[in-house]
Amino acid sequence: MSKIFLNAGVFQAGWFLSVLFGNVIALMYAALACLIYLRYFLTSKHDLSLFAAVLLVGFIGDSLLGLTGVLVHPNGLPFPPIWMVVLWLLFAMTLPWSLRPLIRRRGTFLILCAVGGTLSYVAGVRLTPISFGYTMLNSTILLAGLWLVHGSILLALVRRWELVK
């Protein structure tokens, strides 16, 4: 049980550090988080494949949010900044560990993706120069829908590689 809390704590610390301090701190923390994961959590040769797949899914989703104007980045580009990509890596590290009990319950996992993922973006918009291009209501509805898609893809990936039984 303590490994689950450590895994969740590594994610939460990384979320705050990345959102509050940006790219350089996010990359430094990502390197530390990877070392911690490799030392304490790596259980399958497929973990790294999962991380790469989740990074790709997250990058595509966040880029779509930028291209459609749901998220507006201060640099004017539609692509997510590095610190947002790091968040996907950190999130991927929680799937085989601290989120494992939720993944076993498909419906619960999807609901929590829609709610938790959306709230993560709302908090991020409040704490960074990124803004919503639509009203809060429309943005959160679109984010919740995207997170249902993300959650479904993540479930398929985790099950494909049998990372959660």
C-alpha atoms as a PDB file:
ATOM      1  CA  MET A   1       0.000   0.000   0.000  1.00  0.00           C
ATOM      2  CA  SER A   2       2.855   2.434   0.725  1.00  0.00           C
ATOM      3  CA  LYS A   3       4.096   2.103  -2.875  1.00  0.00           C
ATOM      4  CA  ILE A   4       0.696   3.250  -4.112  1.00  0.00           C
ATOM      5  CA  PHE A   5       0.905   6.388  -1.974  1.00  0.00           C
ATOM      6  CA  LEU A   6       4.500   7.034  -3.031  1.00  0.00           C
ATOM      7  CA  ASN A   7       3.492   6.680  -6.680  1.00  0.00           C
ATOM      8  CA  ALA A   8       0.550   9.060  -6.257  1.00  0.00           C
ATOM      9  CA  GLY A   9       2.768  11.498  -4.335  1.00  0.00           C
ATOM     10  CA  VAL A  10       5.399  11.521  -7.075  1.00  0.00           C
ATOM     11  CA  PHE A  11       2.663  12.404  -9.567  1.00  0.00           C
ATOM     12  CA  GLN A  12       1.097  15.142  -7.416  1.00  0.00           C
ATOM     13  CA  ALA A  13       4.434  16.770  -6.608  1.00  0.00           C
ATOM     14  CA  GLY A  14       5.320  16.707 -10.290  1.00  0.00           C
ATOM     15  CA  TRP A  15       1.974  18.195 -11.256  1.00  0.00           C
ATOM     16  CA  PHE A  16       2.430  21.185  -8.953  1.00  0.00           C
ATOM     17  CA  LEU A  17       6.097  21.717  -9.799  1.00  0.00           C
ATOM     18  CA  SER A  18       5.438  21.493 -13.538  1.00  0.00           C
ATOM     19  CA  VAL A  19       2.401  23.771 -13.515  1.00  0.00           C
ATOM     20  CA  LEU A  20       3.896  26.349 -11.168  1.00  0.00           C
ATOM     21  CA  PHE A  21       7.479  26.465 -12.452  1.00  0.00           C
ATOM     22  CA  GLY A  22       7.346  25.448 -16.112  1.00  0.00           C
ATOM     23  CA  ASN A  23       9.552  23.605 -18.558  1.00  0.00           C
ATOM     24  CA  VAL A  24      12.980  23.462 -16.909  1.00  0.00           C
ATOM     25  CA  ILE A  25      11.731  22.301 -13.514  1.00  0.00           C
ATOM     26  CA  ALA A  26       9.293  19.912 -15.201  1.00  0.00           C
ATOM     27  CA  LEU A  27      12.101  18.270 -17.182  1.00  0.00           C
ATOM     28  CA  MET A  28      14.354  18.013 -14.120  1.00  0.00           C
ATOM     29  CA  TYR A  29      11.532  16.510 -12.086  1.00  0.00           C
ATOM     30  CA  ALA A  30      10.637  14.114 -14.930  1.00  0.00           C
ATOM     31  CA  ALA A  31      14.194  12.780 -14.887  1.00  0.00           C
ATOM     32  CA  LEU A  32      13.963  12.233 -11.122  1.00  0.00           C
ATOM     33  CA  ALA A  33      10.516  10.635 -11.422  1.00  0.00           C
ATOM     34  CA  CYS A  34      11.808   8.264 -14.103  1.00  0.00           C
ATOM     35  CA  LEU A  35      14.674   7.196 -11.862  1.00  0.00           C
ATOM     36  CA  ILE A  36      12.266   6.626  -8.972  1.00  0.00           C
ATOM     37  CA  TYR A  37       9.952   4.632 -11.230  1.00  0.00           C
ATOM     38  CA  LEU A  38      12.762   2.489 -12.594  1.00  0.00           C
ATOM     39  CA  ARG A  39      14.060   1.802  -9.087  1.00  0.00           C
ATOM     40  CA  TYR A  40      10.798   1.158  -7.223  1.00  0.00           C
ATOM     41  CA  PHE A  41       7.942   0.554  -9.655  1.00  0.00           C
ATOM     42  CA  LEU A  42       9.039  -1.031 -12.922  1.00  0.00           C
ATOM     43  CA  THR A  43       7.325  -4.400 -13.054  1.00  0.00           C
ATOM     44  CA  SER A  44       6.869  -5.121 -16.735  1.00  0.00           C
ATOM     45  CA  LYS A  45       8.810  -4.644 -19.926  1.00  0.00           C
ATOM     46  CA  HIS A  46       5.621  -3.045 -21.230  1.00  0.00           C
ATOM     47  CA  ASP A  47       5.679  -0.131 -18.767  1.00  0.00           C
ATOM     48  CA  LEU A  48       7.931   1.881 -21.065  1.00  0.00           C
ATOM     49  CA  SER A  49       5.725   1.126 -24.080  1.00  0.00           C
ATOM     50  CA  LEU A  50       2.746   2.342 -22.060  1.00  0.00           C
ATOM     51  CA  PHE A  51       4.571   5.558 -21.216  1.00  0.00           C
ATOM     52  CA  ALA A  52       5.388   6.230 -24.871  1.00  0.00           C
ATOM     53  CA  ALA A  53       1.798   5.513 -25.924  1.00  0.00           C
ATOM     54  CA  VAL A  54       0.319   7.729 -23.202  1.00  0.00           C
ATOM     55  CA  LEU A  55       2.711  10.548 -24.137  1.00  0.00           C
ATOM     56  CA  LEU A  56       1.565  10.275 -27.746  1.00  0.00           C
ATOM     57  CA  VAL A  57      -2.141  10.174 -26.816  1.00  0.00           C
ATOM     58  CA  GLY A  58      -1.703  13.160 -24.489  1.00  0.00           C
ATOM     59  CA  PHE A  59       0.306  15.181 -26.987  1.00  0.00           C
ATOM     60  CA  ILE A  60      -2.266  14.569 -29.720  1.00  0.00           C
ATOM     61  CA  GLY A  61      -5.165  15.427 -27.384  1.00  0.00           C
ATOM     62  CA  ASP A  62      -3.522  18.594 -26.074  1.00  0.00           C
ATOM     63  CA  SER A  63      -2.574  19.616 -29.615  1.00  0.00           C
ATOM     64  CA  LEU A  64      -6.195  19.145 -30.708  1.00  0.00           C
ATOM     65  CA  LEU A  65      -7.263  21.345 -27.802  1.00  0.00           C
ATOM     66  CA  GLY A  66      -4.851  24.007 -29.033  1.00  0.00           C
ATOM     67  CA  LEU A  67      -5.778  23.654 -32.709  1.00  0.00           C
ATOM     68  CA  THR A  68      -9.502  23.940 -31.948  1.00  0.00           C
ATOM     69  CA  GLY A  69      -8.999  26.907 -29.636  1.00  0.00           C
ATOM     70  CA  VAL A  70     -10.183  25.187 -26.468  1.00  0.00           C
ATOM     71  CA  LEU A  71      -6.774  25.953 -24.961  1.00  0.00           C
ATOM     72  CA  VAL A  72      -4.986  29.163 -25.851  1.00  0.00           C
ATOM     73  CA  HIS A  73      -1.244  29.173 -25.219  1.00  0.00           C
ATOM     74  CA  PRO A  74       0.511  32.494 -24.601  1.00  0.00           C
ATOM     75  CA  ASN A  75       3.077  31.787 -27.352  1.00  0.00           C
ATOM     76  CA  GLY A  76       0.239  31.507 -29.880  1.00  0.00           C
ATOM     77  CA  LEU A  77       1.188  27.977 -30.924  1.00  0.00           C
ATOM     78  CA  PRO A  78      -1.408  25.192 -30.743  1.00  0.00           C
ATOM     79  CA  PHE A  79       1.025  22.658 -29.312  1.00  0.00           C
ATOM     80  CA  PRO A  80       1.373  22.031 -25.580  1.00  0.00           C
ATOM     81  CA  PRO A  81       4.424  23.331 -23.743  1.00  0.00           C
ATOM     82  CA  ILE A  82       6.973  20.815 -22.485  1.00  0.00           C
ATOM     83  CA  TRP A  83       5.658  20.943 -18.933  1.00  0.00           C
ATOM     84  CA  MET A  84       2.240  19.726 -20.138  1.00  0.00           C
ATOM     85  CA  VAL A  85       3.862  16.816 -21.961  1.00  0.00           C
ATOM     86  CA  VAL A  86       5.740  15.959 -18.762  1.00  0.00           C
ATOM     87  CA  LEU A  87       2.394  15.746 -16.969  1.00  0.00           C
ATOM     88  CA  TRP A  88       1.362  12.976 -19.360  1.00  0.00           C
ATOM     89  CA  LEU A  89       4.537  11.048 -18.560  1.00  0.00           C
ATOM     90  CA  LEU A  90       3.897  11.431 -14.837  1.00  0.00           C
ATOM     91  CA  PHE A  91       0.269  10.411 -15.321  1.00  0.00           C
ATOM     92  CA  ALA A  92       1.353   7.328 -17.274  1.00  0.00           C
ATOM     93  CA  MET A  93       3.437   6.262 -14.286  1.00  0.00           C
ATOM     94  CA  THR A  94       0.303   6.141 -12.127  1.00  0.00           C
ATOM     95  CA  LEU A  95      -1.640   3.755 -14.366  1.00  0.00           C
ATOM     96  CA  PRO A  96       0.003   0.468 -13.311  1.00  0.00           C
ATOM     97  CA  TRP A  97       0.254   1.574  -9.664  1.00  0.00           C
ATOM     98  CA  SER A  98      -1.815   4.194  -7.871  1.00  0.00           C
ATOM     99  CA  LEU A  99      -4.640   4.106 -10.435  1.00  0.00           C
ATOM    100  CA  ARG A 100      -4.672   0.296 -10.657  1.00  0.00           C
ATOM    101  CA  PRO A 101      -7.663  -0.150  -8.316  1.00  0.00           C
ATOM    102  CA  LEU A 102      -9.683   2.298 -10.430  1.00  0.00           C
ATOM    103  CA  ILE A 103      -8.672   0.740 -13.741  1.00  0.00           C
ATOM    104  CA  ARG A 104     -10.147  -2.540 -12.531  1.00  0.00           C
ATOM    105  CA  ARG A 105     -13.508  -0.734 -12.398  1.00  0.00           C
ATOM    106  CA  ARG A 106     -13.967   0.545 -15.954  1.00  0.00           C
ATOM    107  CA  GLY A 107     -16.966   2.794 -15.304  1.00  0.00           C
ATOM    108  CA  THR A 108     -15.457   4.353 -12.200  1.00  0.00           C
ATOM    109  CA  PHE A 109     -12.169   4.951 -14.000  1.00  0.00           C
ATOM    110  CA  LEU A 110     -13.892   6.662 -16.933  1.00  0.00           C
ATOM    111  CA  ILE A 111     -15.979   8.898 -14.674  1.00  0.00           C
ATOM    112  CA  LEU A 112     -12.904   9.874 -12.683  1.00  0.00           C
ATOM    113  CA  CYS A 113     -11.004  10.568 -15.914  1.00  0.00           C
ATOM    114  CA  ALA A 114     -13.773  12.874 -17.104  1.00  0.00           C
ATOM    115  CA  VAL A 115     -14.000  14.689 -13.766  1.00  0.00           C
ATOM    116  CA  GLY A 116     -10.379  14.578 -12.602  1.00  0.00           C
ATOM    117  CA  GLY A 117      -8.848  15.257 -15.996  1.00  0.00           C
ATOM    118  CA  THR A 118     -11.156  18.195 -16.576  1.00  0.00           C
ATOM    119  CA  LEU A 119     -10.489  19.649 -13.126  1.00  0.00           C
ATOM    120  CA  SER A 120      -6.750  19.301 -13.727  1.00  0.00           C
ATOM    121  CA  TYR A 121      -7.058  21.514 -16.805  1.00  0.00           C
ATOM    122  CA  VAL A 122      -9.277  24.012 -14.997  1.00  0.00           C
ATOM    123  CA  ALA A 123      -6.680  24.273 -12.213  1.00  0.00           C
ATOM    124  CA  GLY A 124      -3.881  24.530 -14.757  1.00  0.00           C
ATOM    125  CA  VAL A 125      -5.639  27.379 -16.557  1.00  0.00           C
ATOM    126  CA  ARG A 126      -6.048  29.204 -13.261  1.00  0.00           C
ATOM    127  CA  LEU A 127      -2.361  28.755 -12.335  1.00  0.00           C
ATOM    128  CA  THR A 128      -0.650  29.365 -15.687  1.00  0.00           C
ATOM    129  CA  PRO A 129      -0.797  31.849 -18.574  1.00  0.00           C
ATOM    130  CA  ILE A 130      -2.819  29.299 -20.599  1.00  0.00           C
ATOM    131  CA  SER A 131      -6.479  30.224 -21.025  1.00  0.00           C
ATOM    132  CA  PHE A 132      -9.672  28.708 -22.326  1.00  0.00           C
ATOM    133  CA  GLY A 133     -10.755  29.900 -25.746  1.00  0.00           C
ATOM    134  CA  TYR A 134     -14.406  29.179 -25.018  1.00  0.00           C
ATOM    135  CA  THR A 135     -16.626  29.758 -22.026  1.00  0.00           C
ATOM    136  CA  MET A 136     -15.813  27.778 -18.914  1.00  0.00           C
ATOM    137  CA  LEU A 137     -18.922  25.645 -19.404  1.00  0.00           C
ATOM    138  CA  ASN A 138     -18.176  24.810 -23.035  1.00  0.00           C
ATOM    139  CA  SER A 139     -14.503  24.183 -22.310  1.00  0.00           C
ATOM    140  CA  THR A 140     -15.235  21.826 -19.435  1.00  0.00           C
ATOM    141  CA  ILE A 141     -17.811  19.905 -21.477  1.00  0.00           C
ATOM    142  CA  LEU A 142     -15.307  19.473 -24.314  1.00  0.00           C
ATOM    143  CA  LEU A 143     -12.558  18.477 -21.867  1.00  0.00           C
ATOM    144  CA  ALA A 144     -14.785  15.927 -20.151  1.00  0.00           C
ATOM    145  CA  GLY A 145     -15.600  14.389 -23.532  1.00  0.00           C
ATOM    146  CA  LEU A 146     -11.943  14.280 -24.507  1.00  0.00           C
ATOM    147  CA  TRP A 147     -11.059  12.690 -21.175  1.00  0.00           C
ATOM    148  CA  LEU A 148     -13.659   9.979 -21.725  1.00  0.00           C
ATOM    149  CA  VAL A 149     -11.870   9.213 -24.984  1.00  0.00           C
ATOM    150  CA  HIS A 150      -8.469   9.396 -23.255  1.00  0.00           C
ATOM    151  CA  GLY A 151      -9.707   7.110 -20.480  1.00  0.00           C
ATOM    152  CA  SER A 152     -11.002   4.541 -22.960  1.00  0.00           C
ATOM    153  CA  ILE A 153      -7.700   4.548 -24.841  1.00  0.00           C
ATOM    154  CA  LEU A 154      -5.724   4.264 -21.610  1.00  0.00           C
ATOM    155  CA  LEU A 155      -7.835   1.322 -20.459  1.00  0.00           C
ATOM    156  CA  ALA A 156      -7.227  -0.420 -23.772  1.00  0.00           C
ATOM    157  CA  LEU A 157      -3.472   0.185 -23.546  1.00  0.00           C
ATOM    158  CA  VAL A 158      -3.185  -1.051 -19.968  1.00  0.00           C
ATOM    159  CA  ARG A 159      -5.227  -4.137 -20.749  1.00  0.00           C
ATOM    160  CA  ARG A 160      -3.379  -4.768 -24.023  1.00  0.00           C
ATOM    161  CA  TRP A 161      -0.110  -5.100 -22.161  1.00  0.00           C
ATOM    162  CA  GLU A 162      -1.757  -6.780 -19.172  1.00  0.00           C
ATOM    163  CA  LEU A 163      -0.329  -4.215 -16.779  1.00  0.00           C
ATOM    164  CA  VAL A 164      -3.357  -4.474 -14.525  1.00  0.00           C
ATOM    165  CA  LYS A 165      -4.969  -7.810 -13.853  1.00  0.00           C
END
